Amino acid sequence: LGTYHDMISRSVAPNFRTYITLIDALTSRDIEICEEMRRIQLRIHLRLAAEGASYDAYEKQLEALKSENAFGAALTLFQAACLIRTGKIPLNTYWDLLRSCGEHGNVDAAIHVFAHLEKSHVGQLHPWIYTDLIRAYKIGGDLQGAKEVFDEYKRMVRQGNVFGNTNEFAPGVPIWRCDHNQVWTEMLATYLH
């Protein structure tokens, strides 16, 4: 982000590709942060269970990771990219944003990103999109919202609007089957959450 802020301070307007590059980097970093935070939280849990020890150092690490706010920055840049009419946001960028929304349980952001995706994307959506939408509702504590997304997913599959009915990775075993299983598994996990 330092280079981006330097561009702005020098009155160099970022172009569409700049925004997409930054969003992709920030969402990638956000997933790294979330994974590292889970590892630290597990260490805290295991260490406290084993030794009853203090976890001040771990708490400082968690605070440092939280302060990066890669997710918030990615969403802000997404808003800016949406205003530029000269480019089309790639599907993987939407997916990365939705994955981060899911990790944070940020339902409002997930709805916003998904609504923009629906307006701008022509063709079938990938099942992973629905997995991450359901996860956002799960972590956000909204079972009813997750059910609605799951029902919409099933409706879209019936209509042929979700990717995955022709590719095969082994004779007779469709590759999409694993991706669709992830959606169902996430919904089951939501019921148990």
C-alpha atoms as a PDB file:
ATOM      1  CA  LEU A   1       0.000   0.000   0.000  1.00  0.00           C
ATOM      2  CA  GLY A   2       2.970   2.292   0.455  1.00  0.00           C
ATOM      3  CA  THR A   3       3.497   2.528  -3.291  1.00  0.00           C
ATOM      4  CA  TYR A   4      -0.200   3.193  -3.808  1.00  0.00           C
ATOM      5  CA  HIS A   5      -0.164   6.029  -1.270  1.00  0.00           C
ATOM      6  CA  ASP A   6       2.990   7.389  -2.906  1.00  0.00           C
ATOM      7  CA  MET A   7       1.183   7.378  -6.276  1.00  0.00           C
ATOM      8  CA  ILE A   8      -1.716   9.312  -4.803  1.00  0.00           C
ATOM      9  CA  SER A   9       0.564  11.835  -3.073  1.00  0.00           C
ATOM     10  CA  ARG A  10       2.281  12.501  -6.421  1.00  0.00           C
ATOM     11  CA  SER A  11      -1.070  12.948  -8.193  1.00  0.00           C
ATOM     12  CA  VAL A  12      -0.565   9.803 -10.259  1.00  0.00           C
ATOM     13  CA  ALA A  13      -4.002   8.314 -10.744  1.00  0.00           C
ATOM     14  CA  PRO A  14      -4.078   4.529 -10.359  1.00  0.00           C
ATOM     15  CA  ASN A  15      -5.650   2.679 -13.246  1.00  0.00           C
ATOM     16  CA  PHE A  16      -8.022  -0.272 -13.128  1.00  0.00           C
ATOM     17  CA  ARG A  17      -5.220  -2.849 -13.240  1.00  0.00           C
ATOM     18  CA  THR A  18      -3.525  -1.147 -10.272  1.00  0.00           C
ATOM     19  CA  TYR A  19      -6.671  -1.579  -8.206  1.00  0.00           C
ATOM     20  CA  ILE A  20      -7.076  -5.233  -9.157  1.00  0.00           C
ATOM     21  CA  THR A  21      -3.421  -5.972  -8.390  1.00  0.00           C
ATOM     22  CA  LEU A  22      -3.725  -4.343  -4.968  1.00  0.00           C
ATOM     23  CA  ILE A  23      -7.035  -6.053  -4.159  1.00  0.00           C
ATOM     24  CA  ASP A  24      -5.557  -9.435  -5.078  1.00  0.00           C
ATOM     25  CA  ALA A  25      -2.446  -8.810  -2.961  1.00  0.00           C
ATOM     26  CA  LEU A  26      -4.475  -7.566   0.004  1.00  0.00           C
ATOM     27  CA  THR A  27      -6.960 -10.444  -0.038  1.00  0.00           C
ATOM     28  CA  SER A  28      -4.069 -12.892  -0.295  1.00  0.00           C
ATOM     29  CA  ARG A  29      -2.426 -11.219   2.695  1.00  0.00           C
ATOM     30  CA  ASP A  30      -5.733 -11.234   4.564  1.00  0.00           C
ATOM     31  CA  ILE A  31      -6.048 -15.000   4.176  1.00  0.00           C
ATOM     32  CA  GLU A  32      -2.451 -15.384   5.414  1.00  0.00           C
ATOM     33  CA  ILE A  33      -3.318 -13.205   8.424  1.00  0.00           C
ATOM     34  CA  CYS A  34      -6.437 -15.251   9.198  1.00  0.00           C
ATOM     35  CA  GLU A  35      -4.489 -18.515   8.978  1.00  0.00           C
ATOM     36  CA  GLU A  36      -1.691 -17.178  11.204  1.00  0.00           C
ATOM     37  CA  MET A  37      -4.220 -15.905  13.742  1.00  0.00           C
ATOM     38  CA  ARG A  38      -5.806 -19.372  13.883  1.00  0.00           C
ATOM     39  CA  ARG A  39      -2.363 -20.907  14.474  1.00  0.00           C
ATOM     40  CA  ILE A  40      -1.620 -18.433  17.269  1.00  0.00           C
ATOM     41  CA  GLN A  41      -5.022 -19.002  18.868  1.00  0.00           C
ATOM     42  CA  LEU A  42      -4.402 -22.750  18.780  1.00  0.00           C
ATOM     43  CA  ARG A  43      -0.979 -22.236  20.409  1.00  0.00           C
ATOM     44  CA  ILE A  44      -2.614 -20.122  23.109  1.00  0.00           C
ATOM     45  CA  HIS A  45      -5.225 -22.794  23.727  1.00  0.00           C
ATOM     46  CA  LEU A  46      -2.721 -25.650  23.814  1.00  0.00           C
ATOM     47  CA  ARG A  47      -0.206 -23.786  25.927  1.00  0.00           C
ATOM     48  CA  LEU A  48      -2.760 -22.606  28.448  1.00  0.00           C
ATOM     49  CA  ALA A  49      -4.255 -26.077  28.648  1.00  0.00           C
ATOM     50  CA  ALA A  50      -0.830 -27.657  29.138  1.00  0.00           C
ATOM     51  CA  GLU A  51       0.925 -25.123  31.360  1.00  0.00           C
ATOM     52  CA  GLY A  52      -1.558 -22.533  32.495  1.00  0.00           C
ATOM     53  CA  ALA A  53       0.983 -20.022  31.139  1.00  0.00           C
ATOM     54  CA  SER A  54       0.582 -16.387  30.230  1.00  0.00           C
ATOM     55  CA  TYR A  55      -0.138 -15.516  26.661  1.00  0.00           C
ATOM     56  CA  ASP A  56       0.904 -11.845  26.505  1.00  0.00           C
ATOM     57  CA  ALA A  57       3.355 -12.401  23.642  1.00  0.00           C
ATOM     58  CA  TYR A  58       0.692 -14.216  21.638  1.00  0.00           C
ATOM     59  CA  GLU A  59      -1.812 -11.444  22.282  1.00  0.00           C
ATOM     60  CA  LYS A  60       0.692  -8.888  20.961  1.00  0.00           C
ATOM     61  CA  GLN A  61       1.148 -10.978  17.816  1.00  0.00           C
ATOM     62  CA  LEU A  62      -2.624 -11.168  17.345  1.00  0.00           C
ATOM     63  CA  GLU A  63      -2.999  -7.402  17.786  1.00  0.00           C
ATOM     64  CA  ALA A  64      -0.210  -6.733  15.277  1.00  0.00           C
ATOM     65  CA  LEU A  65      -1.900  -8.977  12.715  1.00  0.00           C
ATOM     66  CA  LYS A  66      -5.316  -7.386  13.302  1.00  0.00           C
ATOM     67  CA  SER A  67      -3.846  -3.919  12.877  1.00  0.00           C
ATOM     68  CA  GLU A  68      -2.785  -4.660   9.298  1.00  0.00           C
ATOM     69  CA  ASN A  69      -6.457  -4.476   8.219  1.00  0.00           C
ATOM     70  CA  ALA A  70      -5.750  -5.911   4.773  1.00  0.00           C
ATOM     71  CA  PHE A  71      -9.428  -6.842   4.495  1.00  0.00           C
ATOM     72  CA  GLY A  72     -10.666  -3.288   5.076  1.00  0.00           C
ATOM     73  CA  ALA A  73      -8.149  -1.893   2.602  1.00  0.00           C
ATOM     74  CA  ALA A  74      -9.143  -4.464  -0.032  1.00  0.00           C
ATOM     75  CA  LEU A  75     -12.816  -3.526   0.352  1.00  0.00           C
ATOM     76  CA  THR A  76     -12.020   0.180   0.023  1.00  0.00           C
ATOM     77  CA  LEU A  77     -10.046  -0.440  -3.156  1.00  0.00           C
ATOM     78  CA  PHE A  78     -12.847  -2.663  -4.473  1.00  0.00           C
ATOM     79  CA  GLN A  79     -15.224   0.285  -4.081  1.00  0.00           C
ATOM     80  CA  ALA A  80     -12.848   2.440  -6.104  1.00  0.00           C
ATOM     81  CA  ALA A  81     -12.407  -0.236  -8.791  1.00  0.00           C
ATOM     82  CA  CYS A  82     -16.190  -0.535  -9.138  1.00  0.00           C
ATOM     83  CA  LEU A  83     -16.323   3.115 -10.171  1.00  0.00           C
ATOM     84  CA  ILE A  84     -13.944   2.614 -13.086  1.00  0.00           C
ATOM     85  CA  ARG A  85     -15.823   1.614 -16.214  1.00  0.00           C
ATOM     86  CA  THR A  86     -12.824   0.668 -18.338  1.00  0.00           C
ATOM     87  CA  GLY A  87     -12.242  -2.801 -16.960  1.00  0.00           C
ATOM     88  CA  LYS A  88     -13.993  -5.933 -15.804  1.00  0.00           C
ATOM     89  CA  ILE A  89     -13.133  -7.301 -12.388  1.00  0.00           C
ATOM     90  CA  PRO A  90     -11.848 -10.879 -12.808  1.00  0.00           C
ATOM     91  CA  LEU A  91     -13.880 -13.688 -11.267  1.00  0.00           C
ATOM     92  CA  ASN A  92     -10.944 -14.781  -9.095  1.00  0.00           C
ATOM     93  CA  THR A  93     -10.812 -11.279  -7.546  1.00  0.00           C
ATOM     94  CA  TYR A  94     -14.471 -11.554  -6.579  1.00  0.00           C
ATOM     95  CA  TRP A  95     -13.810 -14.985  -5.148  1.00  0.00           C
ATOM     96  CA  ASP A  96     -10.823 -13.737  -3.131  1.00  0.00           C
ATOM     97  CA  LEU A  97     -12.930 -10.892  -1.726  1.00  0.00           C
ATOM     98  CA  LEU A  98     -15.772 -13.269  -0.848  1.00  0.00           C
ATOM     99  CA  ARG A  99     -13.325 -15.653   0.788  1.00  0.00           C
ATOM    100  CA  SER A 100     -12.089 -12.805   2.987  1.00  0.00           C
ATOM    101  CA  CYS A 101     -15.671 -11.758   3.730  1.00  0.00           C
ATOM    102  CA  GLY A 102     -16.328 -15.347   4.790  1.00  0.00           C
ATOM    103  CA  GLU A 103     -13.255 -15.451   7.023  1.00  0.00           C
ATOM    104  CA  HIS A 104     -14.411 -12.291   8.792  1.00  0.00           C
ATOM    105  CA  GLY A 105     -18.105 -13.159   8.887  1.00  0.00           C
ATOM    106  CA  ASN A 106     -18.791  -9.830   7.184  1.00  0.00           C
ATOM    107  CA  VAL A 107     -22.204 -10.466   5.682  1.00  0.00           C
ATOM    108  CA  ASP A 108     -22.795  -6.892   4.495  1.00  0.00           C
ATOM    109  CA  ALA A 109     -19.537  -6.828   2.542  1.00  0.00           C
ATOM    110  CA  ALA A 110     -20.237 -10.301   1.124  1.00  0.00           C
ATOM    111  CA  ILE A 111     -23.675  -9.195  -0.075  1.00  0.00           C
ATOM    112  CA  HIS A 112     -22.185  -6.089  -1.680  1.00  0.00           C
ATOM    113  CA  VAL A 113     -19.416  -7.997  -3.465  1.00  0.00           C
ATOM    114  CA  PHE A 114     -21.803 -10.731  -4.600  1.00  0.00           C
ATOM    115  CA  ALA A 115     -24.352  -8.181  -5.891  1.00  0.00           C
ATOM    116  CA  HIS A 116     -21.658  -6.511  -7.963  1.00  0.00           C
ATOM    117  CA  LEU A 117     -20.533  -9.918  -9.249  1.00  0.00           C
ATOM    118  CA  GLU A 118     -24.074 -10.815 -10.298  1.00  0.00           C
ATOM    119  CA  LYS A 119     -24.447  -7.532 -12.198  1.00  0.00           C
ATOM    120  CA  SER A 120     -21.134  -7.706 -14.002  1.00  0.00           C
ATOM    121  CA  HIS A 121     -20.465 -11.404 -14.588  1.00  0.00           C
ATOM    122  CA  VAL A 122     -21.967 -13.264 -17.498  1.00  0.00           C
ATOM    123  CA  GLY A 123     -21.954 -17.042 -17.365  1.00  0.00           C
ATOM    124  CA  GLN A 124     -21.831 -19.696 -14.715  1.00  0.00           C
ATOM    125  CA  LEU A 125     -20.563 -19.018 -11.216  1.00  0.00           C
ATOM    126  CA  HIS A 126     -18.193 -21.346  -9.426  1.00  0.00           C
ATOM    127  CA  PRO A 127     -19.497 -23.324  -6.415  1.00  0.00           C
ATOM    128  CA  TRP A 128     -16.749 -21.797  -4.255  1.00  0.00           C
ATOM    129  CA  ILE A 129     -18.582 -18.475  -4.436  1.00  0.00           C
ATOM    130  CA  TYR A 130     -21.489 -20.027  -2.553  1.00  0.00           C
ATOM    131  CA  THR A 131     -19.199 -21.797  -0.084  1.00  0.00           C
ATOM    132  CA  ASP A 132     -17.736 -18.454   0.960  1.00  0.00           C
ATOM    133  CA  LEU A 133     -21.110 -16.713   1.082  1.00  0.00           C
ATOM    134  CA  ILE A 134     -22.418 -19.413   3.404  1.00  0.00           C
ATOM    135  CA  ARG A 135     -19.255 -19.126   5.530  1.00  0.00           C
ATOM    136  CA  ALA A 136     -19.803 -15.365   5.921  1.00  0.00           C
ATOM    137  CA  TYR A 137     -23.287 -16.019   7.275  1.00  0.00           C
ATOM    138  CA  LYS A 138     -22.028 -18.862   9.482  1.00  0.00           C
ATOM    139  CA  ILE A 139     -19.278 -16.818  11.098  1.00  0.00           C
ATOM    140  CA  GLY A 140     -21.606 -13.818  11.229  1.00  0.00           C
ATOM    141  CA  GLY A 141     -24.063 -15.969  13.222  1.00  0.00           C
ATOM    142  CA  ASP A 142     -26.924 -15.826  10.705  1.00  0.00           C
ATOM    143  CA  LEU A 143     -28.225 -19.349  10.102  1.00  0.00           C
ATOM    144  CA  GLN A 144     -31.307 -18.122   8.234  1.00  0.00           C
ATOM    145  CA  GLY A 145     -29.156 -16.088   5.835  1.00  0.00           C
ATOM    146  CA  ALA A 146     -26.948 -19.127   5.202  1.00  0.00           C
ATOM    147  CA  LYS A 147     -30.051 -21.215   4.455  1.00  0.00           C
ATOM    148  CA  GLU A 148     -31.230 -18.609   1.952  1.00  0.00           C
ATOM    149  CA  VAL A 149     -27.854 -18.619   0.179  1.00  0.00           C
ATOM    150  CA  PHE A 150     -27.889 -22.425   0.129  1.00  0.00           C
ATOM    151  CA  ASP A 151     -31.412 -22.468  -1.319  1.00  0.00           C
ATOM    152  CA  GLU A 152     -30.334 -19.950  -3.968  1.00  0.00           C
ATOM    153  CA  TYR A 153     -27.299 -22.109  -4.750  1.00  0.00           C
ATOM    154  CA  LYS A 154     -29.503 -25.189  -5.264  1.00  0.00           C
ATOM    155  CA  ARG A 155     -31.867 -23.169  -7.474  1.00  0.00           C
ATOM    156  CA  MET A 156     -28.972 -21.883  -9.577  1.00  0.00           C
ATOM    157  CA  VAL A 157     -27.576 -25.412  -9.964  1.00  0.00           C
ATOM    158  CA  ARG A 158     -30.963 -26.667 -11.197  1.00  0.00           C
ATOM    159  CA  GLN A 159     -31.015 -23.836 -13.737  1.00  0.00           C
ATOM    160  CA  GLY A 160     -27.489 -24.679 -14.936  1.00  0.00           C
ATOM    161  CA  ASN A 161     -26.037 -21.378 -13.689  1.00  0.00           C
ATOM    162  CA  VAL A 162     -23.315 -22.913 -11.520  1.00  0.00           C
ATOM    163  CA  PHE A 163     -20.131 -24.206 -13.109  1.00  0.00           C
ATOM    164  CA  GLY A 164     -19.405 -27.867 -13.109  1.00  0.00           C
ATOM    165  CA  ASN A 165     -21.403 -30.272 -15.155  1.00  0.00           C
ATOM    166  CA  THR A 166     -18.934 -31.354 -17.841  1.00  0.00           C
ATOM    167  CA  ASN A 167     -15.297 -31.346 -16.664  1.00  0.00           C
ATOM    168  CA  GLU A 168     -13.832 -34.631 -15.470  1.00  0.00           C
ATOM    169  CA  PHE A 169     -10.507 -35.293 -13.723  1.00  0.00           C
ATOM    170  CA  ALA A 170     -10.773 -39.088 -13.869  1.00  0.00           C
ATOM    171  CA  PRO A 171     -12.904 -41.391 -15.978  1.00  0.00           C
ATOM    172  CA  GLY A 172     -16.452 -41.108 -14.717  1.00  0.00           C
ATOM    173  CA  VAL A 173     -15.593 -38.795 -11.774  1.00  0.00           C
ATOM    174  CA  PRO A 174     -16.575 -35.184 -12.443  1.00  0.00           C
ATOM    175  CA  ILE A 175     -14.137 -32.595 -11.084  1.00  0.00           C
ATOM    176  CA  TRP A 176     -17.020 -30.319 -10.092  1.00  0.00           C
ATOM    177  CA  ARG A 177     -18.279 -32.905  -7.662  1.00  0.00           C
ATOM    178  CA  CYS A 178     -15.630 -31.934  -5.075  1.00  0.00           C
ATOM    179  CA  ASP A 179     -16.433 -28.253  -5.475  1.00  0.00           C
ATOM    180  CA  HIS A 180     -20.148 -28.838  -5.020  1.00  0.00           C
ATOM    181  CA  ASN A 181     -19.444 -31.088  -2.028  1.00  0.00           C
ATOM    182  CA  GLN A 182     -17.684 -28.143  -0.387  1.00  0.00           C
ATOM    183  CA  VAL A 183     -20.874 -26.080  -0.575  1.00  0.00           C
ATOM    184  CA  TRP A 184     -22.918 -28.849   1.046  1.00  0.00           C
ATOM    185  CA  THR A 185     -20.214 -29.439   3.667  1.00  0.00           C
ATOM    186  CA  GLU A 186     -20.102 -25.734   4.539  1.00  0.00           C
ATOM    187  CA  MET A 187     -23.866 -25.728   5.010  1.00  0.00           C
ATOM    188  CA  LEU A 188     -23.627 -28.763   7.288  1.00  0.00           C
ATOM    189  CA  ALA A 189     -20.872 -27.006   9.264  1.00  0.00           C
ATOM    190  CA  THR A 190     -23.144 -23.966   9.542  1.00  0.00           C
ATOM    191  CA  TYR A 191     -25.892 -26.035  11.128  1.00  0.00           C
ATOM    192  CA  LEU A 192     -23.359 -27.356  13.652  1.00  0.00           C
ATOM    193  CA  HIS A 193     -21.746 -23.971  14.366  1.00  0.00           C
END
